[in-house]
Amino acid sequence: MNLYNNMEFEMKESFIPNLSNSDTLRVLEVTEGSVIVQMQNSNCRGVFPLDSFQYWIKKSSLIHINENEKKTS
């Protein structure tokens, strides 16, 4: 279940749960049914059901940030 651990995602405007107006979020922990995230510019953690998190990725509201892309930007 470590598929998303420590991955960072860019949040698009279509990502409705972005209450902190962050640009990115990092996955802190993945359990059997949920994903725990930390949004940039926020001290709070968020918890999403795994299927909801995957929905936002499929909808292109969360875009995985590749470490190589970050270094070249």
PDB file of N, CA and C in Angstrom:
ATOM      1  N   MET A   1       0.813  -1.212   0.000  1.00  0.00           N
ATOM      2  CA  MET A   1       0.000   0.000   0.000  1.00  0.00           C
ATOM      3  C   MET A   1       0.849   1.266   0.000  1.00  0.00           C
ATOM      4  N   ASN A   2       2.149   1.149  -0.281  1.00  0.00           N
ATOM      5  CA  ASN A   2       3.041   2.301  -0.253  1.00  0.00           C
ATOM      6  C   ASN A   2       3.109   3.025  -1.587  1.00  0.00           C
ATOM      7  N   LEU A   3       2.158   2.774  -2.438  1.00  0.00           N
ATOM      8  CA  LEU A   3       2.171   3.322  -3.785  1.00  0.00           C
ATOM      9  C   LEU A   3       2.361   4.838  -3.808  1.00  0.00           C
ATOM     10  N   TYR A   4       1.673   5.577  -2.963  1.00  0.00           N
ATOM     11  CA  TYR A   4       1.712   7.044  -3.004  1.00  0.00           C
ATOM     12  C   TYR A   4       2.588   7.663  -1.918  1.00  0.00           C
ATOM     13  N   ASN A   5       3.165   6.863  -1.013  1.00  0.00           N
ATOM     14  CA  ASN A   5       3.940   7.419   0.099  1.00  0.00           C
ATOM     15  C   ASN A   5       5.008   8.389  -0.375  1.00  0.00           C
ATOM     16  N   ASN A   6       5.059   9.553   0.263  1.00  0.00           N
ATOM     17  CA  ASN A   6       6.025  10.622   0.010  1.00  0.00           C
ATOM     18  C   ASN A   6       5.929  11.243  -1.369  1.00  0.00           C
ATOM     19  N   MET A   7       4.920  10.905  -2.140  1.00  0.00           N
ATOM     20  CA  MET A   7       4.736  11.549  -3.437  1.00  0.00           C
ATOM     21  C   MET A   7       4.194  12.959  -3.213  1.00  0.00           C
ATOM     22  N   GLU A   8       4.567  13.838  -4.110  1.00  0.00           N
ATOM     23  CA  GLU A   8       4.070  15.200  -4.058  1.00  0.00           C
ATOM     24  C   GLU A   8       3.230  15.447  -5.311  1.00  0.00           C
ATOM     25  N   PHE A   9       2.119  16.169  -5.130  1.00  0.00           N
ATOM     26  CA  PHE A   9       1.189  16.430  -6.218  1.00  0.00           C
ATOM     27  C   PHE A   9       0.931  17.915  -6.337  1.00  0.00           C
ATOM     28  N   GLU A  10       0.874  18.388  -7.578  1.00  0.00           N
ATOM     29  CA  GLU A  10       0.416  19.744  -7.854  1.00  0.00           C
ATOM     30  C   GLU A  10      -1.103  19.716  -7.830  1.00  0.00           C
ATOM     31  N   MET A  11      -1.696  20.714  -7.207  1.00  0.00           N
ATOM     32  CA  MET A  11      -3.152  20.782  -7.124  1.00  0.00           C
ATOM     33  C   MET A  11      -3.667  21.794  -8.141  1.00  0.00           C
ATOM     34  N   LYS A  12      -4.527  21.360  -9.021  1.00  0.00           N
ATOM     35  CA  LYS A  12      -5.145  22.231 -10.012  1.00  0.00           C
ATOM     36  C   LYS A  12      -6.364  22.919  -9.392  1.00  0.00           C
ATOM     37  N   GLU A  13      -6.865  23.948 -10.060  1.00  0.00           N
ATOM     38  CA  GLU A  13      -8.034  24.685  -9.565  1.00  0.00           C
ATOM     39  C   GLU A  13      -9.251  23.788  -9.406  1.00  0.00           C
ATOM     40  N   SER A  14      -9.316  22.721 -10.170  1.00  0.00           N
ATOM     41  CA  SER A  14     -10.466  21.814 -10.101  1.00  0.00           C
ATOM     42  C   SER A  14     -10.445  20.915  -8.870  1.00  0.00           C
ATOM     43  N   PHE A  15      -9.372  20.964  -8.064  1.00  0.00           N
ATOM     44  CA  PHE A  15      -9.293  20.167  -6.838  1.00  0.00           C
ATOM     45  C   PHE A  15     -10.070  20.885  -5.747  1.00  0.00           C
ATOM     46  N   ILE A  16     -11.331  20.550  -5.634  1.00  0.00           N
ATOM     47  CA  ILE A  16     -12.258  21.253  -4.747  1.00  0.00           C
ATOM     48  C   ILE A  16     -11.861  21.215  -3.266  1.00  0.00           C
ATOM     49  N   PRO A  17     -11.289  20.113  -2.745  1.00  0.00           N
ATOM     50  CA  PRO A  17     -10.948  20.101  -1.319  1.00  0.00           C
ATOM     51  C   PRO A  17      -9.776  21.007  -0.916  1.00  0.00           C
ATOM     52  N   ASN A  18      -9.272  21.839  -1.800  1.00  0.00           N
ATOM     53  CA  ASN A  18      -8.130  22.700  -1.499  1.00  0.00           C
ATOM     54  C   ASN A  18      -8.571  23.916  -0.685  1.00  0.00           C
ATOM     55  N   LEU A  19      -8.829  23.715   0.578  1.00  0.00           N
ATOM     56  CA  LEU A  19      -9.309  24.793   1.448  1.00  0.00           C
ATOM     57  C   LEU A  19      -8.205  25.767   1.839  1.00  0.00           C
ATOM     58  N   SER A  20      -6.942  25.330   1.784  1.00  0.00           N
ATOM     59  CA  SER A  20      -5.840  26.198   2.201  1.00  0.00           C
ATOM     60  C   SER A  20      -5.211  26.952   1.036  1.00  0.00           C
ATOM     61  N   ASN A  21      -5.808  26.846  -0.158  1.00  0.00           N
ATOM     62  CA  ASN A  21      -5.281  27.505  -1.359  1.00  0.00           C
ATOM     63  C   ASN A  21      -3.807  27.190  -1.586  1.00  0.00           C
ATOM     64  N   SER A  22      -3.445  25.948  -1.396  1.00  0.00           N
ATOM     65  CA  SER A  22      -2.075  25.491  -1.598  1.00  0.00           C
ATOM     66  C   SER A  22      -1.842  25.166  -3.067  1.00  0.00           C
ATOM     67  N   ASP A  23      -0.578  25.107  -3.426  1.00  0.00           N
ATOM     68  CA  ASP A  23      -0.212  24.716  -4.786  1.00  0.00           C
ATOM     69  C   ASP A  23       0.097  23.225  -4.861  1.00  0.00           C
ATOM     70  N   THR A  24       0.599  22.668  -3.754  1.00  0.00           N
ATOM     71  CA  THR A  24       0.993  21.259  -3.742  1.00  0.00           C
ATOM     72  C   THR A  24       0.536  20.574  -2.467  1.00  0.00           C
ATOM     73  N   LEU A  25       0.538  19.248  -2.519  1.00  0.00           N
ATOM     74  CA  LEU A  25       0.328  18.447  -1.314  1.00  0.00           C
ATOM     75  C   LEU A  25       1.282  17.273  -1.365  1.00  0.00           C
ATOM     76  N   ARG A  26       1.638  16.777  -0.185  1.00  0.00           N
ATOM     77  CA  ARG A  26       2.524  15.620  -0.067  1.00  0.00           C
ATOM     78  C   ARG A  26       1.783  14.519   0.684  1.00  0.00           C
ATOM     79  N   VAL A  27       1.899  13.303   0.184  1.00  0.00           N
ATOM     80  CA  VAL A  27       1.288  12.150   0.834  1.00  0.00           C
ATOM     81  C   VAL A  27       2.188  11.737   1.990  1.00  0.00           C
ATOM     82  N   LEU A  28       1.608  11.702   3.199  1.00  0.00           N
ATOM     83  CA  LEU A  28       2.367  11.324   4.382  1.00  0.00           C
ATOM     84  C   LEU A  28       2.268   9.835   4.680  1.00  0.00           C
ATOM     85  N   GLU A  29       1.076   9.288   4.466  1.00  0.00           N
ATOM     86  CA  GLU A  29       0.859   7.884   4.819  1.00  0.00           C
ATOM     87  C   GLU A  29      -0.318   7.339   4.019  1.00  0.00           C
ATOM     88  N   VAL A  30      -0.212   6.086   3.649  1.00  0.00           N
ATOM     89  CA  VAL A  30      -1.300   5.397   2.960  1.00  0.00           C
ATOM     90  C   VAL A  30      -1.648   4.159   3.779  1.00  0.00           C
ATOM     91  N   THR A  31      -2.916   4.043   4.117  1.00  0.00           N
ATOM     92  CA  THR A  31      -3.390   2.857   4.814  1.00  0.00           C
ATOM     93  C   THR A  31      -4.242   2.052   3.843  1.00  0.00           C
ATOM     94  N   GLU A  32      -4.846   1.000   4.317  1.00  0.00           N
ATOM     95  CA  GLU A  32      -5.638   0.139   3.446  1.00  0.00           C
ATOM     96  C   GLU A  32      -6.764   0.887   2.739  1.00  0.00           C
ATOM     97  N   GLY A  33      -7.365   1.859   3.403  1.00  0.00           N
ATOM     98  CA  GLY A  33      -8.505   2.537   2.798  1.00  0.00           C
ATOM     99  C   GLY A  33      -8.414   4.045   2.736  1.00  0.00           C
ATOM    100  N   SER A  34      -7.267   4.627   3.173  1.00  0.00           N
ATOM    101  CA  SER A  34      -7.201   6.085   3.205  1.00  0.00           C
ATOM    102  C   SER A  34      -5.804   6.595   2.879  1.00  0.00           C
ATOM    103  N   VAL A  35      -5.769   7.883   2.553  1.00  0.00           N
ATOM    104  CA  VAL A  35      -4.525   8.569   2.237  1.00  0.00           C
ATOM    105  C   VAL A  35      -4.452   9.797   3.145  1.00  0.00           C
ATOM    106  N   ILE A  36      -3.347   9.938   3.875  1.00  0.00           N
ATOM    107  CA  ILE A  36      -3.137  11.087   4.753  1.00  0.00           C
ATOM    108  C   ILE A  36      -2.177  12.032   4.045  1.00  0.00           C
ATOM    109  N   VAL A  37      -2.587  13.298   3.901  1.00  0.00           N
ATOM    110  CA  VAL A  37      -1.799  14.274   3.145  1.00  0.00           C
ATOM    111  C   VAL A  37      -1.514  15.506   3.993  1.00  0.00           C
ATOM    112  N   GLN A  38      -0.466  16.223   3.597  1.00  0.00           N
ATOM    113  CA  GLN A  38      -0.119  17.524   4.172  1.00  0.00           C
ATOM    114  C   GLN A  38      -0.111  18.511   3.025  1.00  0.00           C
ATOM    115  N   MET A  39      -0.943  19.538   3.098  1.00  0.00           N
ATOM    116  CA  MET A  39      -0.972  20.550   2.049  1.00  0.00           C
ATOM    117  C   MET A  39       0.051  21.630   2.349  1.00  0.00           C
ATOM    118  N   GLN A  40       0.666  22.136   1.281  1.00  0.00           N
ATOM    119  CA  GLN A  40       1.604  23.247   1.408  1.00  0.00           C
ATOM    120  C   GLN A  40       0.868  24.413   2.055  1.00  0.00           C
ATOM    121  N   ASN A  41       1.551  25.205   2.845  1.00  0.00           N
ATOM    122  CA  ASN A  41       0.975  26.390   3.503  1.00  0.00           C
ATOM    123  C   ASN A  41      -0.086  26.046   4.535  1.00  0.00           C
ATOM    124  N   SER A  42      -0.074  24.836   5.054  1.00  0.00           N
ATOM    125  CA  SER A  42      -1.065  24.446   6.054  1.00  0.00           C
ATOM    126  C   SER A  42      -0.397  23.563   7.093  1.00  0.00           C
ATOM    127  N   ASN A  43      -0.752  23.781   8.350  1.00  0.00           N
ATOM    128  CA  ASN A  43      -0.223  22.946   9.420  1.00  0.00           C
ATOM    129  C   ASN A  43      -1.109  21.732   9.666  1.00  0.00           C
ATOM    130  N   CYS A  44      -2.234  21.689   9.000  1.00  0.00           N
ATOM    131  CA  CYS A  44      -3.191  20.607   9.207  1.00  0.00           C
ATOM    132  C   CYS A  44      -2.965  19.480   8.209  1.00  0.00           C
ATOM    133  N   ARG A  45      -3.327  18.291   8.628  1.00  0.00           N
ATOM    134  CA  ARG A  45      -3.297  17.130   7.744  1.00  0.00           C
ATOM    135  C   ARG A  45      -4.708  16.848   7.269  1.00  0.00           C
ATOM    136  N   GLY A  46      -4.795  16.243   6.107  1.00  0.00           N
ATOM    137  CA  GLY A  46      -6.084  15.844   5.571  1.00  0.00           C
ATOM    138  C   GLY A  46      -6.101  14.349   5.343  1.00  0.00           C
ATOM    139  N   VAL A  47      -7.282  13.773   5.415  1.00  0.00           N
ATOM    140  CA  VAL A  47      -7.439  12.342   5.180  1.00  0.00           C
ATOM    141  C   VAL A  47      -8.495  12.160   4.099  1.00  0.00           C
ATOM    142  N   PHE A  48      -8.140  11.399   3.077  1.00  0.00           N
ATOM    143  CA  PHE A  48      -9.055  11.095   1.983  1.00  0.00           C
ATOM    144  C   PHE A  48      -9.246   9.579   1.909  1.00  0.00           C
ATOM    145  N   PRO A  49     -10.462   9.142   1.599  1.00  0.00           N
ATOM    146  CA  PRO A  49     -10.612   7.724   1.257  1.00  0.00           C
ATOM    147  C   PRO A  49      -9.740   7.453   0.022  1.00  0.00           C
ATOM    148  N   LEU A  50      -9.123   6.293  -0.035  1.00  0.00           N
ATOM    149  CA  LEU A  50      -8.216   5.962  -1.129  1.00  0.00           C
ATOM    150  C   LEU A  50      -8.892   6.099  -2.488  1.00  0.00           C
ATOM    151  N   ASP A  51     -10.137   5.648  -2.608  1.00  0.00           N
ATOM    152  CA  ASP A  51     -10.818   5.739  -3.902  1.00  0.00           C
ATOM    153  C   ASP A  51     -11.076   7.191  -4.306  1.00  0.00           C
ATOM    154  N   SER A  52     -11.346   8.079  -3.356  1.00  0.00           N
ATOM    155  CA  SER A  52     -11.529   9.502  -3.672  1.00  0.00           C
ATOM    156  C   SER A  52     -10.227  10.133  -4.133  1.00  0.00           C
ATOM    157  N   PHE A  53      -9.135   9.781  -3.460  1.00  0.00           N
ATOM    158  CA  PHE A  53      -7.835  10.307  -3.837  1.00  0.00           C
ATOM    159  C   PHE A  53      -7.493   9.885  -5.260  1.00  0.00           C
ATOM    160  N   GLN A  54      -7.730   8.624  -5.584  1.00  0.00           N
ATOM    161  CA  GLN A  54      -7.472   8.122  -6.933  1.00  0.00           C
ATOM    162  C   GLN A  54      -8.376   8.801  -7.963  1.00  0.00           C
ATOM    163  N   TYR A  55      -9.610   9.124  -7.574  1.00  0.00           N
ATOM    164  CA  TYR A  55     -10.526   9.858  -8.454  1.00  0.00           C
ATOM    165  C   TYR A  55      -9.937  11.211  -8.843  1.00  0.00           C
ATOM    166  N   TRP A  56      -9.390  11.962  -7.867  1.00  0.00           N
ATOM    167  CA  TRP A  56      -8.829  13.281  -8.139  1.00  0.00           C
ATOM    168  C   TRP A  56      -7.623  13.172  -9.063  1.00  0.00           C
ATOM    169  N   ILE A  57      -6.854  12.094  -8.936  1.00  0.00           N
ATOM    170  CA  ILE A  57      -5.712  11.881  -9.830  1.00  0.00           C
ATOM    171  C   ILE A  57      -6.206  11.600 -11.249  1.00  0.00           C
ATOM    172  N   LYS A  58      -7.184  10.710 -11.370  1.00  0.00           N
ATOM    173  CA  LYS A  58      -7.719  10.364 -12.696  1.00  0.00           C
ATOM    174  C   LYS A  58      -8.353  11.565 -13.381  1.00  0.00           C
ATOM    175  N   LYS A  59      -8.939  12.458 -12.587  1.00  0.00           N
ATOM    176  CA  LYS A  59      -9.591  13.653 -13.119  1.00  0.00           C
ATOM    177  C   LYS A  59      -8.572  14.748 -13.464  1.00  0.00           C
ATOM    178  N   SER A  60      -7.298  14.486 -13.215  1.00  0.00           N
ATOM    179  CA  SER A  60      -6.196  15.435 -13.445  1.00  0.00           C
ATOM    180  C   SER A  60      -6.297  16.680 -12.576  1.00  0.00           C
ATOM    181  N   SER A  61      -6.925  16.538 -11.420  1.00  0.00           N
ATOM    182  CA  SER A  61      -6.955  17.622 -10.445  1.00  0.00           C
ATOM    183  C   SER A  61      -5.729  17.573  -9.547  1.00  0.00           C
ATOM    184  N   LEU A  62      -5.145  16.381  -9.433  1.00  0.00           N
ATOM    185  CA  LEU A  62      -3.872  16.186  -8.731  1.00  0.00           C
ATOM    186  C   LEU A  62      -2.891  15.611  -9.746  1.00  0.00           C
ATOM    187  N   ILE A  63      -1.792  16.304  -9.943  1.00  0.00           N
ATOM    188  CA  ILE A  63      -0.780  15.901 -10.917  1.00  0.00           C
ATOM    189  C   ILE A  63       0.503  15.563 -10.165  1.00  0.00           C
ATOM    190  N   HIS A  64       0.981  14.321 -10.329  1.00  0.00           N
ATOM    191  CA  HIS A  64       2.201  13.910  -9.643  1.00  0.00           C
ATOM    192  C   HIS A  64       3.363  14.771 -10.098  1.00  0.00           C
ATOM    193  N   ILE A  65       4.132  15.268  -9.123  1.00  0.00           N
ATOM    194  CA  ILE A  65       5.333  16.050  -9.417  1.00  0.00           C
ATOM    195  C   ILE A  65       6.512  15.098  -9.328  1.00  0.00           C
ATOM    196  N   ASN A  66       7.148  14.880 -10.448  1.00  0.00           N
ATOM    197  CA  ASN A  66       8.318  14.022 -10.517  1.00  0.00           C
ATOM    198  C   ASN A  66       9.512  14.794  -9.969  1.00  0.00           C
ATOM    199  N   GLU A  67      10.339  14.159  -9.154  1.00  0.00           N
ATOM    200  CA  GLU A  67      11.505  14.831  -8.579  1.00  0.00           C
ATOM    201  C   GLU A  67      12.404  15.414  -9.670  1.00  0.00           C
ATOM    202  N   ASN A  68      12.534  14.745 -10.798  1.00  0.00           N
ATOM    203  CA  ASN A  68      13.361  15.241 -11.894  1.00  0.00           C
ATOM    204  C   ASN A  68      12.782  16.524 -12.478  1.00  0.00           C
ATOM    205  N   GLU A  69      11.453  16.609 -12.549  1.00  0.00           N
ATOM    206  CA  GLU A  69      10.802  17.819 -13.059  1.00  0.00           C
ATOM    207  C   GLU A  69      11.066  19.001 -12.133  1.00  0.00           C
ATOM    208  N   LYS A  70      11.056  18.754 -10.805  1.00  0.00           N
ATOM    209  CA  LYS A  70      11.284  19.821  -9.846  1.00  0.00           C
ATOM    210  C   LYS A  70      12.688  20.384  -9.976  1.00  0.00           C
ATOM    211  N   LYS A  71      13.668  19.508 -10.242  1.00  0.00           N
ATOM    212  CA  LYS A  71      15.064  19.940 -10.342  1.00  0.00           C
ATOM    213  C   LYS A  71      15.320  20.769 -11.588  1.00  0.00           C
ATOM    214  N   THR A  72      14.589  20.490 -12.671  1.00  0.00           N
ATOM    215  CA  THR A  72      14.812  21.224 -13.912  1.00  0.00           C
ATOM    216  C   THR A  72      13.979  22.484 -14.020  1.00  0.00           C
ATOM    217  N   SER A  73      13.056  22.677 -13.113  1.00  0.00           N
ATOM    218  CA  SER A  73      12.176  23.857 -13.173  1.00  0.00           C
ATOM    219  C   SER A  73      12.882  25.086 -12.628  1.00  0.00           C
TER     220      SER A  73
END
